[in-house]
Structures are given as structure tokens and as C-alpha cells.
């Protein structure tokens, strides 16, 4: 089997153009690795189908048949970047029935739920990736963190960007979204009235105990004997509302705690009423432009997704790649990837990291203290940013995810 071709659909609708941009960056990484993407398949060669989140089964059926050819089965790898309860179960039912199908997730949270609904499902965790253009030039960091522009330089192994690096004129950058009132109303109306209070209880519990996953919180908060014709759909709607409530609470409390520092917030317009005093709302930024904002920031508070308790966001990788000193909320996956256990400790207790600083999501004042320390210590800030850029360049580009993706596709063909 010569698996050197790929088909990746590119038309998606997602907030801030996130998934479409992911596709563009993944395609570029594959092409640099010598993979032919969305091209005709020569005789004797095989192709795999890769796509993000849910995609209509009919939309790819014809393409898959064309790729497969006589006596072959084109493998399918579906990469879902959300919590299992947010999956389109009806769509996944259809994909799961196809031979040579594999599922990739970005996080380990509540994956046991997938085994209950689809006992024979083959799934693997594959983290987000970063494109090389998001990497800051390490040589530029001392100057830009001191508020000076860095002149053009020859390319380095760590960056494809050789333009002049701007001075970092943003003290603290925060980027992310919170639900609008209209979105909250819609999510509330989609749930039986008897569970509205439960959604708030779940959000409150997870706000106080950030290490608790959605499913664990549901176990503690759901009434006994709840029944629904489609239990998965009911829990999915409860997950969406509780996560939206939690997200607003956490993120508003965070920027409130940062008041007094010069903070720039990126996101939807509903952020504006919360951005007062020294916290400035700078508008909405497409995901494709986020690396430019991060390269202007001295410190970036990298928000992680509230639907997860263990995993991290692509914002964390972008912040580290862009040369900002990164502050992020404490997650097991962050510790596993970027921290070293302290003496006599474990990755769930005390840790040290050369790449970032951790705060507890339930204590946003810890984030503020870390930001103050980093803003006041130029050498420490530069050293941490430099180490982070090199760590992302060495292990967290899209190119580093290809072995897992193509490995899953190869395994799917050999074990349909």
C-alpha cells in the first residue's frame, strides 16, 4: 500500500474561521511532507480522507468511492475538536458503519462515553498543531519584549517569517469568545425546563472544581431516574448550556481580576461591556490573524476550552509559538506536555516549567499575579518565551501530527 495521497474537504463554517484555517494549515503540512492533496489518484497509489468535526455522509461518499478504486478501501479519519457529547451522534452513526473508519479527538475528556454509545469504535487522541508561520524568531525576542522593533534577518530553523518583528506593544493579551444573550436563550430553550437549574449547578460545580469533567459533574448533579427518548441528545444539550454558563463566568472573572493591568481582549462584540478601565476591547480577530496579535504581546493568557477539564486549546500552542510569555489554566495535558514534576511530586501536584506558568481556573487572581511578575521581569519573560518557541518548533507543528493521522489511516485499512 502506497498511502501518499489525501482528500480533505475545505468548506466549513466555524467561529472565527477556525476549522477552515486548520484545513489550510494541515494541507500545507501534508504537501511539505510530499503528500498529494485533493489531486487525481494514480494507479497503484492509495489515498486517505481526513476531515474535521461532522461532515455530511453523502458529501464524501462519491469521493471515497472514486479514491478507493477496485479492490481497495479508502480509509477515513474524522478529527473532532469538541467534547464527545457535542458530537452529531446521527452523523457519527453513519460514519461508524463504514469500513476503515477512525476517529481522532483533541482531548481525553469523557471518551468512555464513546465506548458506551459505539462499543467497537476505534479512537485516538491527536492534539492540535501550529503552522510554521506562527513561530516567532527567537532572535527577535529580547528586542521586541523591550518594546523595540527587530530588523529583518535571514531565515532560521525556527521560523519562516523574515520580516521585521514589531515591538510588543500589548502588555497582556486575552482572546476567546463568550456566549451572547441570544445564544444563551437558544441553548436554554433547547433543554427541558426541569433541567435549567441542573445546568447552572453543573456550571457552578465545575467553576469551583475545574478538574471535574462534564460527565463527572453530570453524575453528581443530574436527578435520579431522568428519562429521554434520546438520552445522548439530552445530555448533549445539557452539556452545551452548562459549558456556556461556565465559560462566561470564568472568562469575565478573569478579565475582572486583570483590571489595573493594560489588557487587550479579542472576541465577539458582547465582550465590550465587560472591558472597562485598563481592559480594552479590540474587536474580533479571525483565527488566521491570531499569530500577528500574539507577536505583539508581552504576556498572553491562553484560555483553554471550558468543555474540557484535561486538555488544552490551540490558543496555548499559538501563544507559545508566537513568543509571548504564556500564562494558562492548570490542566493535566498541559502538565504532561510542558511541565516537569517537582522533586518528590507528580504531574498532578507540584511542577516546574521552562515554557509557561500555570494558574488555577477557580482563582483568577493567581493569573493576575503571574502577569504582574512577568511584566516586571524582562529577562525571565524573554527566557520563557524563547524556550516555548523552540518547544513548539520541535514538537507541536502540524507536521508532527501527520504520523498519528496517517498511522490511524494505515491501521484502518489493515484492520477495517
Protein backbone atom coordinates (compact mmCIF):
# COMPACT_ATOMS: atom_id res chain seq x y z
CA UNK A 1 0.00 0.00 0.00
CA UNK A 2 1.38 3.41 -1.02
CA UNK A 3 -0.62 5.86 1.11
CA UNK A 4 0.69 9.14 -0.31
CA UNK A 5 -2.50 10.97 -1.31
CA UNK A 6 -5.15 12.66 0.81
CA UNK A 7 -8.55 14.17 0.28
CA UNK A 8 -9.51 16.99 2.67
CA UNK A 9 -12.78 18.92 2.22
CA UNK A 10 -12.15 22.62 2.86
CA UNK A 11 -15.58 24.29 3.07
CA UNK A 12 -16.52 24.78 6.70
CA UNK A 13 -18.50 27.30 8.72
CA UNK A 14 -16.98 27.88 12.15
CA UNK A 15 -16.47 30.75 14.57
CA UNK A 16 -13.53 32.99 13.59
CA UNK A 17 -12.80 30.75 10.58
CA UNK A 18 -11.10 28.24 12.88
CA UNK A 19 -11.74 24.95 11.09
CA UNK A 20 -11.19 26.33 7.62
CA UNK A 21 -7.84 27.64 8.73
CA UNK A 22 -6.99 24.29 10.32
CA UNK A 23 -7.63 22.65 6.95
CA UNK A 24 -5.39 25.11 5.13
CA UNK A 25 -2.55 24.57 7.59
CA UNK A 26 -2.94 20.79 7.61
CA UNK A 27 -2.92 20.69 3.80
CA UNK A 28 0.27 22.79 3.72
CA UNK A 29 1.94 20.41 6.19
CA UNK A 30 0.97 17.39 4.12
CA UNK A 31 2.22 18.96 0.91
CA UNK A 32 5.55 19.83 2.53
CA UNK A 33 5.79 16.17 3.58
CA UNK A 34 5.32 15.07 -0.03
CA UNK A 35 1.66 14.08 0.22
CA UNK A 36 -0.55 14.92 -2.77
CA UNK A 37 -3.74 16.58 -1.53
CA UNK A 38 -7.05 16.74 -3.42
CA UNK A 39 -5.47 15.52 -6.64
CA UNK A 40 -6.27 12.65 -9.00
CA UNK A 41 -5.03 9.33 -7.75
CA UNK A 42 -2.53 7.45 -9.96
CA UNK A 43 -2.75 3.70 -10.41
CA UNK A 44 -1.12 1.77 -7.60
CA UNK A 45 -1.43 4.57 -5.06
CA UNK A 46 -3.84 4.89 -2.15
CA UNK A 47 -5.49 7.88 -0.53
CA UNK A 48 -6.95 8.67 2.89
CA UNK A 49 -9.86 11.00 3.65
CA UNK A 50 -9.38 13.44 6.53
CA UNK A 51 -11.94 15.96 7.79
CA UNK A 52 -12.73 17.99 10.90
CA UNK A 53 -15.85 17.67 13.07
CA UNK A 54 -19.04 16.47 11.36
CA UNK A 55 -19.45 16.31 7.61
CA UNK A 56 -22.45 15.02 5.69
CA UNK A 57 -22.00 11.36 4.85
CA UNK A 58 -23.36 11.88 1.33
CA UNK A 59 -20.88 14.70 0.67
CA UNK A 60 -17.89 12.36 0.77
CA UNK A 61 -19.38 9.05 -0.34
CA UNK A 62 -18.84 9.66 -4.06
CA UNK A 63 -15.32 10.99 -3.49
CA UNK A 64 -14.43 7.99 -1.34
CA UNK A 65 -15.65 5.59 -4.00
CA UNK A 66 -13.56 7.36 -6.62
CA UNK A 67 -10.49 7.22 -4.40
CA UNK A 68 -10.96 3.61 -3.44
CA UNK A 69 -10.78 2.00 -6.87
CA UNK A 70 -11.24 -1.72 -7.49
CA UNK A 71 -10.38 -3.94 -4.56
CA UNK A 72 -9.37 -1.07 -2.26
CA UNK A 73 -10.95 0.77 0.65
CA UNK A 74 -10.01 4.41 1.20
CA UNK A 75 -9.56 4.98 4.94
CA UNK A 76 -11.43 7.80 6.66
CA UNK A 77 -10.09 9.73 9.66
CA UNK A 78 -12.57 12.11 11.28
CA UNK A 79 -10.89 14.63 13.61
CA UNK A 80 -13.41 16.08 16.06
CA UNK A 81 -12.31 19.10 18.09
CA UNK A 82 -15.07 19.16 20.69
CA UNK A 83 -16.42 17.28 23.69
CA UNK A 84 -17.92 13.83 22.92
CA UNK A 85 -21.40 14.98 23.97
CA UNK A 86 -21.23 17.75 21.38
CA UNK A 87 -20.74 15.23 18.55
CA UNK A 88 -23.51 14.85 16.00
CA UNK A 89 -24.49 11.34 17.04
CA UNK A 90 -26.68 10.68 13.98
CA UNK A 91 -23.82 11.63 11.66
CA UNK A 92 -21.34 9.56 13.64
CA UNK A 93 -23.72 6.59 13.45
CA UNK A 94 -23.38 6.75 9.67
CA UNK A 95 -19.61 7.15 9.61
CA UNK A 96 -19.10 4.42 12.20
CA UNK A 97 -20.81 1.86 9.95
CA UNK A 98 -18.27 2.44 7.17
CA UNK A 99 -15.23 0.14 6.91
CA UNK A 100 -11.76 1.59 7.51
CA UNK A 101 -13.10 4.46 9.65
CA UNK A 102 -11.18 6.01 12.56
CA UNK A 103 -11.97 8.84 14.95
CA UNK A 104 -9.43 11.33 16.31
CA UNK A 105 -10.12 13.65 19.25
CA UNK A 106 -8.08 16.53 20.69
CA UNK A 107 -8.62 15.62 24.32
CA UNK A 108 -9.11 12.65 26.64
CA UNK A 109 -12.15 14.06 28.48
CA UNK A 110 -15.07 11.64 28.88
CA UNK A 111 -14.02 9.40 25.99
CA UNK A 112 -15.56 6.47 27.85
CA UNK A 113 -18.92 7.84 26.71
CA UNK A 114 -17.97 6.99 23.13
CA UNK A 115 -17.37 3.37 24.14
CA UNK A 116 -20.85 3.19 25.63
CA UNK A 117 -22.56 4.53 22.51
CA UNK A 118 -20.24 2.88 19.93
CA UNK A 119 -18.55 -0.10 21.68
CA UNK A 120 -16.34 -1.03 18.71
CA UNK A 121 -15.28 2.49 17.81
CA UNK A 122 -11.53 2.92 17.25
CA UNK A 123 -10.44 6.35 18.53
CA UNK A 124 -7.15 8.10 19.25
CA UNK A 125 -6.19 11.42 20.74
CA UNK A 126 -4.31 13.81 18.44
CA UNK A 127 -3.50 17.30 19.74
CA UNK A 128 -3.92 20.50 17.75
CA UNK A 129 -0.99 21.71 15.68
CA UNK A 130 0.63 25.01 14.70
CA UNK A 131 1.77 26.17 11.26
CA UNK A 132 5.42 27.32 10.92
CA UNK A 133 4.41 30.89 10.12
CA UNK A 134 3.06 31.27 13.65
CA UNK A 135 6.56 30.87 15.10
CA UNK A 136 8.35 33.97 16.33
CA UNK A 137 12.04 34.34 15.53
CA UNK A 138 13.82 33.59 18.84
CA UNK A 139 16.48 36.18 17.98
CA UNK A 140 13.82 38.90 17.97
CA UNK A 141 12.54 38.28 21.49
CA UNK A 142 14.94 40.40 23.61
CA UNK A 143 14.29 43.46 21.47
CA UNK A 144 10.55 43.08 20.92
CA UNK A 145 9.87 42.34 24.60
CA UNK A 146 11.76 45.53 25.41
CA UNK A 147 9.38 47.45 23.16
CA UNK A 148 11.74 47.73 20.20
CA UNK A 149 11.32 46.62 16.60
CA UNK A 150 13.56 43.84 15.35
CA UNK A 151 15.17 44.37 11.89
CA UNK A 152 14.80 41.86 9.07
CA UNK A 153 17.03 38.82 9.40
CA UNK A 154 17.87 35.72 7.43
CA UNK A 155 15.63 32.68 7.97
CA UNK A 156 16.27 30.44 10.96
CA UNK A 157 15.24 26.83 11.50
CA UNK A 158 12.51 28.10 13.82
CA UNK A 159 10.60 30.47 11.57
CA UNK A 160 9.51 31.19 8.03
CA UNK A 161 8.82 34.84 8.85
CA UNK A 162 11.81 37.06 7.96
CA UNK A 163 10.01 40.40 8.07
CA UNK A 164 10.77 42.98 10.71
CA UNK A 165 9.25 41.94 14.03
CA UNK A 166 7.14 44.72 15.60
CA UNK A 167 7.68 45.89 19.16
CA UNK A 168 5.44 44.15 21.63
CA UNK A 169 3.05 46.97 22.41
CA UNK A 170 0.40 44.82 24.17
CA UNK A 171 1.12 44.08 27.82
CA UNK A 172 -1.45 41.29 28.29
CA UNK A 173 -3.47 39.65 25.52
CA UNK A 174 -6.65 37.64 26.12
CA UNK A 175 -8.54 36.07 23.20
CA UNK A 176 -11.66 33.95 23.17
CA UNK A 177 -15.43 34.01 22.94
CA UNK A 178 -18.33 34.06 25.39
CA UNK A 179 -21.95 33.30 24.56
CA UNK A 180 -24.28 36.16 23.72
CA UNK A 181 -27.62 36.60 25.49
CA UNK A 182 -29.38 35.32 22.38
CA UNK A 183 -27.20 32.21 22.29
CA UNK A 184 -27.86 31.52 25.98
CA UNK A 185 -31.61 31.85 25.42
CA UNK A 186 -31.48 29.46 22.48
CA UNK A 187 -29.47 26.89 24.47
CA UNK A 188 -31.85 27.25 27.43
CA UNK A 189 -34.97 26.75 25.32
CA UNK A 190 -33.45 23.59 23.79
CA UNK A 191 -33.42 21.98 27.25
CA UNK A 192 -36.44 20.88 29.34
CA UNK A 193 -37.28 23.45 31.99
CA UNK A 194 -36.74 20.86 34.71
CA UNK A 195 -33.04 20.76 33.82
CA UNK A 196 -32.33 24.51 33.69
CA UNK A 197 -31.31 24.55 37.35
CA UNK A 198 -29.20 21.44 36.81
CA UNK A 199 -27.24 23.21 34.05
CA UNK A 200 -26.41 26.04 36.46
CA UNK A 201 -25.45 23.55 39.17
CA UNK A 202 -23.08 21.77 36.81
CA UNK A 203 -21.51 25.08 35.79
CA UNK A 204 -21.16 26.15 39.43
CA UNK A 205 -19.57 22.83 40.45
CA UNK A 206 -17.07 22.91 37.59
CA UNK A 207 -16.25 26.56 38.33
CA UNK A 208 -15.31 25.64 41.89
CA UNK A 209 -13.66 22.32 40.91
CA UNK A 210 -12.01 22.84 37.49
CA UNK A 211 -10.58 19.30 37.40
CA UNK A 212 -14.08 17.76 37.18
CA UNK A 213 -15.15 16.74 33.66
CA UNK A 214 -18.59 17.32 32.22
CA UNK A 215 -19.63 13.68 32.66
CA UNK A 216 -18.41 13.61 36.26
CA UNK A 217 -20.37 16.77 37.04
CA UNK A 218 -23.48 15.27 35.45
CA UNK A 219 -23.12 12.19 37.67
CA UNK A 220 -23.19 14.47 40.71
CA UNK A 221 -25.89 16.91 39.59
CA UNK A 222 -28.41 15.04 37.45
CA UNK A 223 -31.57 13.82 39.22
CA UNK A 224 -32.06 10.07 39.55
CA UNK A 225 -34.43 8.48 37.07
CA UNK A 226 -34.15 11.05 34.29
CA UNK A 227 -35.54 9.71 31.01
CA UNK A 228 -35.44 10.87 27.42
CA UNK A 229 -36.20 9.17 24.08
CA UNK A 230 -32.64 10.05 23.03
CA UNK A 231 -30.55 10.25 26.18
CA UNK A 232 -27.40 11.20 24.26
CA UNK A 233 -29.09 14.22 22.70
CA UNK A 234 -30.48 15.34 26.06
CA UNK A 235 -27.06 15.14 27.71
CA UNK A 236 -25.55 16.94 24.73
CA UNK A 237 -27.92 19.87 25.14
CA UNK A 238 -27.24 19.96 28.88
CA UNK A 239 -23.52 19.98 28.18
CA UNK A 240 -23.81 22.90 25.76
CA UNK A 241 -25.78 25.10 28.17
CA UNK A 242 -23.69 24.31 31.25
CA UNK A 243 -20.44 24.94 29.36
CA UNK A 244 -21.71 28.29 28.03
CA UNK A 245 -22.65 29.39 31.56
CA UNK A 246 -19.29 28.26 32.95
CA UNK A 247 -17.39 29.95 30.15
CA UNK A 248 -18.97 33.35 30.78
CA UNK A 249 -18.33 33.09 34.50
CA UNK A 250 -14.69 32.06 34.19
CA UNK A 251 -13.67 34.50 31.50
CA UNK A 252 -15.45 37.54 32.92
CA UNK A 253 -13.96 36.83 36.35
CA UNK A 254 -10.54 36.55 34.74
CA UNK A 255 -10.57 39.92 32.99
CA UNK A 256 -12.04 41.47 36.13
CA UNK A 257 -9.06 40.11 38.07
CA UNK A 258 -6.70 41.59 35.44
CA UNK A 259 -8.13 45.08 35.93
CA UNK A 260 -5.31 47.55 36.57
CA UNK A 261 -3.03 45.89 34.03
CA UNK A 262 -3.09 47.02 30.41
CA UNK A 263 -5.10 44.18 28.86
CA UNK A 264 -6.27 43.76 25.27
CA UNK A 265 -9.28 41.48 24.71
CA UNK A 266 -10.18 39.91 21.35
CA UNK A 267 -13.54 38.27 20.68
CA UNK A 268 -17.18 38.94 19.87
CA UNK A 269 -18.82 42.33 20.46
CA UNK A 270 -20.54 41.08 23.62
CA UNK A 271 -17.14 41.39 25.33
CA UNK A 272 -17.35 45.19 25.10
CA UNK A 273 -19.50 45.84 28.23
CA UNK A 274 -17.04 43.84 30.34
CA UNK A 275 -13.98 45.70 29.08
CA UNK A 276 -13.64 48.82 31.21
CA UNK A 277 -10.83 50.73 32.90
CA UNK A 278 -7.46 49.34 31.81
CA UNK A 279 -9.07 46.40 29.99
CA UNK A 280 -9.57 47.35 26.33
CA UNK A 281 -11.81 45.56 23.84
CA UNK A 282 -10.01 45.42 20.48
CA UNK A 283 -12.67 43.71 18.37
CA UNK A 284 -12.91 40.35 16.68
CA UNK A 285 -9.93 38.63 15.06
CA UNK A 286 -10.06 35.73 12.65
CA UNK A 287 -8.04 32.72 13.70
CA UNK A 288 -5.76 33.21 10.69
CA UNK A 289 -4.67 36.58 12.13
CA UNK A 290 -4.16 35.47 15.74
CA UNK A 291 -0.43 34.84 15.33
CA UNK A 292 0.06 38.54 14.42
CA UNK A 293 -1.66 39.67 17.63
CA UNK A 294 0.36 37.25 19.73
CA UNK A 295 3.62 38.52 18.22
CA UNK A 296 2.67 41.95 19.61
CA UNK A 297 2.03 40.64 23.15
CA UNK A 298 4.44 40.52 26.06
CA UNK A 299 2.18 38.17 28.03
CA UNK A 300 -0.68 36.06 26.72
CA UNK A 301 -3.29 34.49 28.97
CA UNK A 302 -4.08 31.43 26.84
CA UNK A 303 -7.67 30.43 27.56
CA UNK A 304 -8.43 26.72 27.44
CA UNK A 305 -11.81 25.32 26.34
CA UNK A 306 -14.35 25.09 29.18
CA UNK A 307 -15.91 21.89 27.79
CA UNK A 308 -12.69 20.11 28.73
CA UNK A 309 -11.08 19.63 32.13
CA UNK A 310 -7.92 17.87 30.98
CA UNK A 311 -6.98 19.19 27.53
CA UNK A 312 -5.72 22.46 26.10
CA UNK A 313 -6.67 24.81 23.30
CA UNK A 314 -4.89 25.69 20.07
CA UNK A 315 -4.53 29.14 21.70
CA UNK A 316 -1.96 27.70 24.10
CA UNK A 317 0.21 26.44 21.26
CA UNK A 318 -0.18 29.70 19.33
CA UNK A 319 0.78 31.76 22.38
CA UNK A 320 3.92 29.72 22.95
CA UNK A 321 4.80 29.73 19.24
CA UNK A 322 4.33 33.48 18.97
CA UNK A 323 6.88 34.31 21.63
CA UNK A 324 4.54 35.70 24.27
CA UNK A 325 5.17 34.72 27.86
CA UNK A 326 2.32 32.26 28.34
CA UNK A 327 0.01 32.03 31.34
CA UNK A 328 -2.64 29.30 31.20
CA UNK A 329 -5.02 27.44 33.49
CA UNK A 330 -3.79 24.23 35.05
CA UNK A 331 -4.71 21.10 33.06
CA UNK A 332 -3.30 17.54 33.22
CA UNK A 333 -2.47 17.57 29.50
CA UNK A 334 -0.60 20.88 29.88
CA UNK A 335 1.45 19.39 32.70
CA UNK A 336 2.11 16.21 30.73
CA UNK A 337 3.33 18.06 27.64
CA UNK A 338 5.07 21.13 29.05
CA UNK A 339 5.91 20.61 32.73
CA UNK A 340 8.38 18.59 34.77
CA UNK A 341 7.31 17.09 38.10
CA UNK A 342 8.81 18.84 41.09
CA UNK A 343 11.05 16.74 43.37
CA UNK A 344 9.03 14.04 45.14
CA UNK A 345 5.93 15.23 43.26
CA UNK A 346 3.83 14.07 40.35
CA UNK A 347 2.42 15.86 37.35
CA UNK A 348 -0.78 16.29 39.36
CA UNK A 349 0.98 18.05 42.23
CA UNK A 350 3.87 20.50 42.11
CA UNK A 351 5.52 21.06 38.74
CA UNK A 352 8.15 23.22 37.11
CA UNK A 353 8.06 24.52 33.55
CA UNK A 354 10.51 26.47 31.44
CA UNK A 355 7.78 27.20 28.89
CA UNK A 356 4.75 28.62 30.72
CA UNK A 357 3.11 29.48 34.02
CA UNK A 358 0.02 27.77 35.45
CA UNK A 359 -2.84 29.19 37.50
CA UNK A 360 -5.92 27.52 38.92
CA UNK A 361 -9.01 28.41 36.92
CA UNK A 362 -11.02 28.88 40.12
CA UNK A 363 -8.51 31.51 41.29
CA UNK A 364 -8.11 34.15 38.57
CA UNK A 365 -6.12 36.36 40.95
CA UNK A 366 -3.29 33.85 40.50
CA UNK A 367 -3.26 34.70 36.79
CA UNK A 368 -3.05 38.38 37.60
CA UNK A 369 -0.09 37.82 39.95
CA UNK A 370 1.74 35.81 37.29
CA UNK A 371 1.13 38.50 34.67
CA UNK A 372 2.48 41.19 37.03
CA UNK A 373 5.61 39.15 37.75
CA UNK A 374 6.33 38.51 34.08
CA UNK A 375 5.71 42.11 33.02
CA UNK A 376 8.16 43.25 35.68
CA UNK A 377 10.89 40.74 34.78
CA UNK A 378 12.10 41.24 31.21
CA UNK A 379 14.89 38.58 31.32
CA UNK A 380 12.58 35.90 32.76
CA UNK A 381 9.87 36.75 30.25
CA UNK A 382 12.25 36.50 27.30
CA UNK A 383 13.81 33.26 28.53
CA UNK A 384 10.42 31.62 28.93
CA UNK A 385 9.20 32.86 25.54
CA UNK A 386 12.39 31.65 23.84
CA UNK A 387 12.09 28.18 25.36
CA UNK A 388 8.41 27.99 24.37
CA UNK A 389 9.02 28.93 20.72
CA UNK A 390 11.69 26.25 20.43
CA UNK A 391 9.47 23.64 22.13
CA UNK A 392 6.61 24.25 19.68
CA UNK A 393 9.01 24.21 16.71
CA UNK A 394 10.45 20.90 17.91
CA UNK A 395 7.25 19.01 18.64
CA UNK A 396 3.93 20.73 18.03
CA UNK A 397 3.71 21.77 14.39
CA UNK A 398 1.08 20.21 12.11
CA UNK A 399 3.92 18.19 10.59
CA UNK A 400 4.36 16.47 13.95
CA UNK A 401 0.72 15.26 13.85
CA UNK A 402 0.97 13.58 10.45
CA UNK A 403 2.46 10.28 11.70
CA UNK A 404 -0.51 9.79 14.02
CA UNK A 405 -3.06 10.68 11.34
CA UNK A 406 -1.55 8.54 8.62
CA UNK A 407 -0.85 5.81 11.17
CA UNK A 408 -4.56 5.72 12.02
CA UNK A 409 -5.43 5.60 8.31
CA UNK A 410 -2.98 2.76 7.66
CA UNK A 411 -4.27 0.80 10.64
CA UNK A 412 -7.85 1.31 9.43
CA UNK A 413 -7.05 -0.27 6.06
CA UNK A 414 -5.28 -3.23 7.62
CA UNK A 415 -7.92 -3.68 10.34
CA UNK A 416 -11.22 -2.46 8.83
